[in-house]
């Protein structure tokens, strides 16, 4: 099986890189779906109109905001990895195609 350089001195089988891209994409999609579904459930409403309820709403809303930010950062990181692996595959295909065309 063809070995593809994936950076840092590491190599992967060509087919495994494609599988990794699909797995990372599924993880990213699942995280996005989870975030969208859960955000609808996490609407925070103060239980009453008094100081403690207002403070509770504020701190809980801040936690939801932090989770949303973390989730987005993780999806961005996954997308970067997906893009990098797709670029590796593209470069390998071009090189392999170019080398094949030079064979007698």
N, C-alpha and C. Protein backbone atom coordinates (compact mmCIF):
# COMPACT_ATOMS: atom_id res chain seq x y z
N UNK A 1 0.85 -1.18 0.00
CA UNK A 1 0.00 0.00 0.00
C UNK A 1 0.89 1.24 0.00
N UNK A 2 0.48 2.25 -0.71
CA UNK A 2 1.26 3.48 -0.82
C UNK A 2 1.27 4.23 0.50
N UNK A 3 2.44 4.69 0.89
CA UNK A 3 2.60 5.48 2.12
C UNK A 3 2.59 6.95 1.76
N UNK A 4 1.78 7.71 2.47
CA UNK A 4 1.61 9.13 2.22
C UNK A 4 2.19 9.90 3.41
N UNK A 5 3.10 10.87 3.15
CA UNK A 5 3.62 11.67 4.27
C UNK A 5 2.52 12.60 4.80
N UNK A 6 2.27 12.53 6.10
CA UNK A 6 1.21 13.36 6.69
C UNK A 6 1.77 14.46 7.59
N UNK A 7 3.07 14.62 7.58
CA UNK A 7 3.70 15.68 8.36
C UNK A 7 4.39 15.16 9.60
N UNK A 8 5.36 15.91 10.06
CA UNK A 8 6.07 15.55 11.28
C UNK A 8 6.88 14.28 11.15
N UNK A 9 7.19 13.89 9.92
CA UNK A 9 7.95 12.66 9.71
C UNK A 9 7.10 11.41 9.76
N UNK A 10 5.76 11.56 9.81
CA UNK A 10 4.87 10.41 9.88
C UNK A 10 4.29 10.10 8.51
N UNK A 11 3.98 8.82 8.32
CA UNK A 11 3.39 8.35 7.07
C UNK A 11 2.16 7.52 7.39
N UNK A 12 1.19 7.53 6.46
CA UNK A 12 -0.02 6.71 6.58
C UNK A 12 -0.29 6.06 5.23
N UNK A 13 -0.97 4.92 5.28
CA UNK A 13 -1.42 4.32 4.03
C UNK A 13 -2.41 5.27 3.37
N UNK A 14 -2.34 5.36 2.07
CA UNK A 14 -3.20 6.27 1.30
C UNK A 14 -4.67 6.07 1.66
N UNK A 15 -5.13 4.82 1.68
CA UNK A 15 -6.54 4.54 1.98
C UNK A 15 -6.91 4.96 3.40
N UNK A 16 -5.96 4.82 4.31
CA UNK A 16 -6.23 5.18 5.70
C UNK A 16 -6.40 6.70 5.86
N UNK A 17 -5.68 7.48 5.05
CA UNK A 17 -5.83 8.94 5.12
C UNK A 17 -7.26 9.31 4.72
N UNK A 18 -7.77 8.69 3.68
CA UNK A 18 -9.15 8.94 3.26
C UNK A 18 -10.15 8.56 4.34
N UNK A 19 -9.90 7.43 5.01
CA UNK A 19 -10.78 7.01 6.10
C UNK A 19 -10.70 7.99 7.27
N UNK A 20 -9.50 8.49 7.54
CA UNK A 20 -9.33 9.45 8.62
C UNK A 20 -10.10 10.74 8.32
N UNK A 21 -10.06 11.18 7.07
CA UNK A 21 -10.79 12.39 6.68
C UNK A 21 -12.29 12.18 6.92
N UNK A 22 -12.80 11.03 6.51
CA UNK A 22 -14.24 10.75 6.71
C UNK A 22 -14.59 10.70 8.19
N UNK A 23 -13.74 10.09 8.99
CA UNK A 23 -14.01 9.99 10.44
C UNK A 23 -13.97 11.37 11.09
N UNK A 24 -13.00 12.20 10.73
CA UNK A 24 -12.91 13.55 11.29
C UNK A 24 -14.11 14.39 10.87
N UNK A 25 -14.54 14.24 9.61
CA UNK A 25 -15.70 14.99 9.12
C UNK A 25 -16.95 14.58 9.88
N UNK A 26 -17.11 13.27 10.13
CA UNK A 26 -18.27 12.79 10.88
C UNK A 26 -18.25 13.34 12.30
N UNK A 27 -17.09 13.33 12.93
CA UNK A 27 -16.97 13.88 14.27
C UNK A 27 -17.34 15.36 14.29
N UNK A 28 -16.84 16.11 13.32
CA UNK A 28 -17.15 17.54 13.24
C UNK A 28 -18.65 17.76 13.03
N UNK A 29 -19.24 16.99 12.12
CA UNK A 29 -20.69 17.11 11.87
C UNK A 29 -21.50 16.75 13.12
N UNK A 30 -21.08 15.69 13.81
CA UNK A 30 -21.78 15.28 15.03
C UNK A 30 -21.69 16.37 16.11
N UNK A 31 -20.52 16.98 16.23
CA UNK A 31 -20.36 18.06 17.21
C UNK A 31 -21.24 19.25 16.87
N UNK A 32 -21.36 19.54 15.58
CA UNK A 32 -22.21 20.65 15.16
C UNK A 32 -23.67 20.34 15.44
N UNK A 33 -24.10 19.12 15.10
CA UNK A 33 -25.48 18.72 15.37
C UNK A 33 -25.77 18.78 16.86
N UNK A 34 -24.84 18.24 17.67
CA UNK A 34 -25.02 18.24 19.11
C UNK A 34 -25.12 19.67 19.63
N UNK A 35 -24.27 20.53 19.15
CA UNK A 35 -24.27 21.91 19.61
C UNK A 35 -25.58 22.59 19.28
N UNK A 36 -26.06 22.40 18.06
CA UNK A 36 -27.32 23.03 17.66
C UNK A 36 -28.50 22.50 18.46
N UNK A 37 -28.54 21.18 18.65
CA UNK A 37 -29.65 20.58 19.41
C UNK A 37 -29.61 20.99 20.88
N UNK A 38 -28.43 20.94 21.46
CA UNK A 38 -28.31 21.24 22.88
C UNK A 38 -28.52 22.72 23.17
N UNK A 39 -28.10 23.59 22.27
CA UNK A 39 -28.28 25.03 22.51
C UNK A 39 -29.76 25.39 22.60
N UNK A 40 -30.59 24.69 21.85
CA UNK A 40 -32.03 24.95 21.93
C UNK A 40 -32.57 24.60 23.32
N UNK A 41 -32.00 23.54 23.91
CA UNK A 41 -32.45 23.09 25.22
C UNK A 41 -31.91 23.96 26.35
N UNK A 42 -30.83 24.67 26.10
CA UNK A 42 -30.15 25.39 27.17
C UNK A 42 -30.54 26.86 27.30
N UNK A 43 -31.67 27.22 26.76
CA UNK A 43 -32.13 28.59 26.95
C UNK A 43 -32.31 28.84 28.45
N UNK A 44 -31.63 29.81 28.97
CA UNK A 44 -31.63 30.06 30.41
C UNK A 44 -32.59 31.19 30.74
N UNK A 45 -33.48 30.89 31.65
CA UNK A 45 -34.45 31.88 32.11
C UNK A 45 -34.31 32.00 33.62
N UNK A 46 -34.31 33.20 34.12
CA UNK A 46 -34.24 33.40 35.57
C UNK A 46 -35.51 32.83 36.20
N UNK A 47 -35.37 32.00 37.26
CA UNK A 47 -36.56 31.41 37.89
C UNK A 47 -37.48 32.46 38.51
N UNK A 48 -36.92 33.57 38.90
CA UNK A 48 -37.74 34.64 39.51
C UNK A 48 -37.04 35.98 39.23
N UNK A 49 -37.73 37.04 39.54
CA UNK A 49 -37.16 38.37 39.32
C UNK A 49 -36.57 38.90 40.63
N UNK A 50 -35.47 38.30 41.04
CA UNK A 50 -34.77 38.77 42.23
C UNK A 50 -33.28 38.55 42.02
N UNK A 51 -32.47 39.03 42.93
CA UNK A 51 -31.02 39.09 42.77
C UNK A 51 -30.39 37.73 42.50
N UNK A 52 -30.74 36.71 43.29
CA UNK A 52 -30.09 35.41 43.14
C UNK A 52 -30.47 34.74 41.82
N UNK A 53 -31.72 34.86 41.44
CA UNK A 53 -32.15 34.27 40.16
C UNK A 53 -31.46 34.96 38.99
N UNK A 54 -31.32 36.25 39.06
CA UNK A 54 -30.64 36.99 38.01
C UNK A 54 -29.17 36.59 37.94
N UNK A 55 -28.52 36.41 39.10
CA UNK A 55 -27.12 35.97 39.14
C UNK A 55 -27.00 34.56 38.58
N UNK A 56 -27.93 33.68 38.92
CA UNK A 56 -27.94 32.31 38.42
C UNK A 56 -28.04 32.32 36.89
N UNK A 57 -28.96 33.11 36.38
CA UNK A 57 -29.14 33.21 34.93
C UNK A 57 -27.86 33.70 34.27
N UNK A 58 -27.22 34.71 34.85
CA UNK A 58 -26.00 35.26 34.27
C UNK A 58 -24.86 34.25 34.24
N UNK A 59 -24.65 33.53 35.36
CA UNK A 59 -23.55 32.57 35.40
C UNK A 59 -23.84 31.36 34.51
N UNK A 60 -25.08 30.92 34.47
CA UNK A 60 -25.44 29.79 33.63
C UNK A 60 -25.32 30.17 32.15
N UNK A 61 -25.74 31.35 31.80
CA UNK A 61 -25.60 31.83 30.42
C UNK A 61 -24.13 31.90 30.03
N UNK A 62 -23.28 32.31 30.95
CA UNK A 62 -21.84 32.38 30.68
C UNK A 62 -21.27 30.99 30.41
N UNK A 63 -21.74 29.98 31.16
CA UNK A 63 -21.27 28.61 30.93
C UNK A 63 -21.71 28.12 29.55
N UNK A 64 -22.94 28.41 29.19
CA UNK A 64 -23.44 28.02 27.87
C UNK A 64 -22.61 28.70 26.78
N UNK A 65 -22.31 29.96 26.96
CA UNK A 65 -21.49 30.70 25.99
C UNK A 65 -20.09 30.09 25.87
N UNK A 66 -19.50 29.71 27.00
CA UNK A 66 -18.17 29.10 26.99
C UNK A 66 -18.19 27.75 26.28
N UNK A 67 -19.24 26.96 26.53
CA UNK A 67 -19.37 25.67 25.85
C UNK A 67 -19.50 25.89 24.34
N UNK A 68 -20.32 26.83 23.95
CA UNK A 68 -20.52 27.12 22.53
C UNK A 68 -19.21 27.53 21.88
N UNK A 69 -18.46 28.37 22.56
CA UNK A 69 -17.16 28.82 22.05
C UNK A 69 -16.20 27.63 21.94
N UNK A 70 -16.12 26.80 22.96
CA UNK A 70 -15.24 25.63 22.95
C UNK A 70 -15.62 24.70 21.80
N UNK A 71 -16.91 24.43 21.65
CA UNK A 71 -17.38 23.54 20.60
C UNK A 71 -16.98 24.08 19.23
N UNK A 72 -17.15 25.37 19.00
CA UNK A 72 -16.78 25.98 17.72
C UNK A 72 -15.27 25.88 17.48
N UNK A 73 -14.48 26.12 18.52
CA UNK A 73 -13.02 26.02 18.38
C UNK A 73 -12.61 24.59 18.02
N UNK A 74 -13.25 23.61 18.62
CA UNK A 74 -12.93 22.22 18.32
C UNK A 74 -13.31 21.88 16.88
N UNK A 75 -14.46 22.36 16.43
CA UNK A 75 -14.87 22.12 15.04
C UNK A 75 -13.93 22.82 14.07
N UNK A 76 -13.45 24.01 14.42
CA UNK A 76 -12.47 24.70 13.56
C UNK A 76 -11.18 23.91 13.47
N UNK A 77 -10.73 23.37 14.60
CA UNK A 77 -9.51 22.56 14.62
C UNK A 77 -9.68 21.31 13.76
N UNK A 78 -10.83 20.66 13.89
CA UNK A 78 -11.10 19.49 13.06
C UNK A 78 -11.11 19.86 11.58
N UNK A 79 -11.72 20.98 11.24
CA UNK A 79 -11.75 21.40 9.84
C UNK A 79 -10.35 21.66 9.31
N UNK A 80 -9.50 22.25 10.13
CA UNK A 80 -8.11 22.49 9.72
C UNK A 80 -7.42 21.16 9.42
N UNK A 81 -7.60 20.17 10.30
CA UNK A 81 -7.00 18.84 10.08
C UNK A 81 -7.55 18.19 8.82
N UNK A 82 -8.86 18.31 8.61
CA UNK A 82 -9.48 17.75 7.41
C UNK A 82 -8.88 18.41 6.17
N UNK A 83 -8.77 19.72 6.18
CA UNK A 83 -8.20 20.44 5.03
C UNK A 83 -6.76 20.02 4.78
N UNK A 84 -5.98 19.86 5.86
CA UNK A 84 -4.59 19.45 5.72
C UNK A 84 -4.48 18.05 5.11
N UNK A 85 -5.28 17.13 5.60
CA UNK A 85 -5.24 15.77 5.06
C UNK A 85 -5.73 15.72 3.62
N UNK A 86 -6.76 16.50 3.30
CA UNK A 86 -7.22 16.56 1.91
C UNK A 86 -6.14 17.12 0.99
N UNK A 87 -5.39 18.09 1.48
CA UNK A 87 -4.29 18.66 0.70
C UNK A 87 -3.19 17.61 0.49
N UNK A 88 -2.91 16.82 1.52
CA UNK A 88 -1.92 15.74 1.39
C UNK A 88 -2.39 14.76 0.31
N UNK A 89 -3.66 14.38 0.37
CA UNK A 89 -4.20 13.45 -0.64
C UNK A 89 -4.11 14.04 -2.05
N UNK A 90 -4.46 15.30 -2.17
CA UNK A 90 -4.43 15.97 -3.48
C UNK A 90 -2.99 16.01 -4.02
N UNK A 91 -2.06 16.38 -3.18
CA UNK A 91 -0.65 16.45 -3.59
C UNK A 91 -0.15 15.08 -3.98
N UNK A 92 -0.51 14.06 -3.19
CA UNK A 92 -0.07 12.69 -3.49
C UNK A 92 -0.64 12.24 -4.82
N UNK A 93 -1.93 12.50 -5.06
CA UNK A 93 -2.55 12.10 -6.33
C UNK A 93 -1.85 12.77 -7.51
N UNK A 94 -1.56 14.07 -7.37
CA UNK A 94 -0.90 14.79 -8.45
C UNK A 94 0.50 14.23 -8.71
N UNK A 95 1.23 13.97 -7.64
CA UNK A 95 2.59 13.42 -7.78
C UNK A 95 2.54 12.03 -8.38
N UNK A 96 1.63 11.21 -7.89
CA UNK A 96 1.51 9.84 -8.38
C UNK A 96 1.11 9.84 -9.85
N UNK A 97 0.17 10.71 -10.21
CA UNK A 97 -0.27 10.81 -11.60
C UNK A 97 0.87 11.28 -12.49
N UNK A 98 1.61 12.27 -12.01
CA UNK A 98 2.74 12.80 -12.77
C UNK A 98 3.81 11.73 -12.97
N UNK A 99 4.11 10.99 -11.91
CA UNK A 99 5.12 9.93 -12.01
C UNK A 99 4.67 8.81 -12.90
N UNK A 100 3.38 8.45 -12.86
CA UNK A 100 2.83 7.39 -13.70
C UNK A 100 2.91 7.77 -15.16
N UNK A 101 2.71 9.03 -15.48
CA UNK A 101 2.73 9.46 -16.88
C UNK A 101 4.14 9.41 -17.46
N UNK A 102 5.15 9.39 -16.60
CA UNK A 102 6.54 9.36 -17.07
C UNK A 102 7.04 7.93 -17.30
N UNK A 103 6.26 6.95 -16.85
CA UNK A 103 6.69 5.56 -17.00
C UNK A 103 6.54 5.13 -18.46
N UNK A 104 7.49 4.32 -18.94
CA UNK A 104 7.42 3.87 -20.35
C UNK A 104 6.30 2.90 -20.59
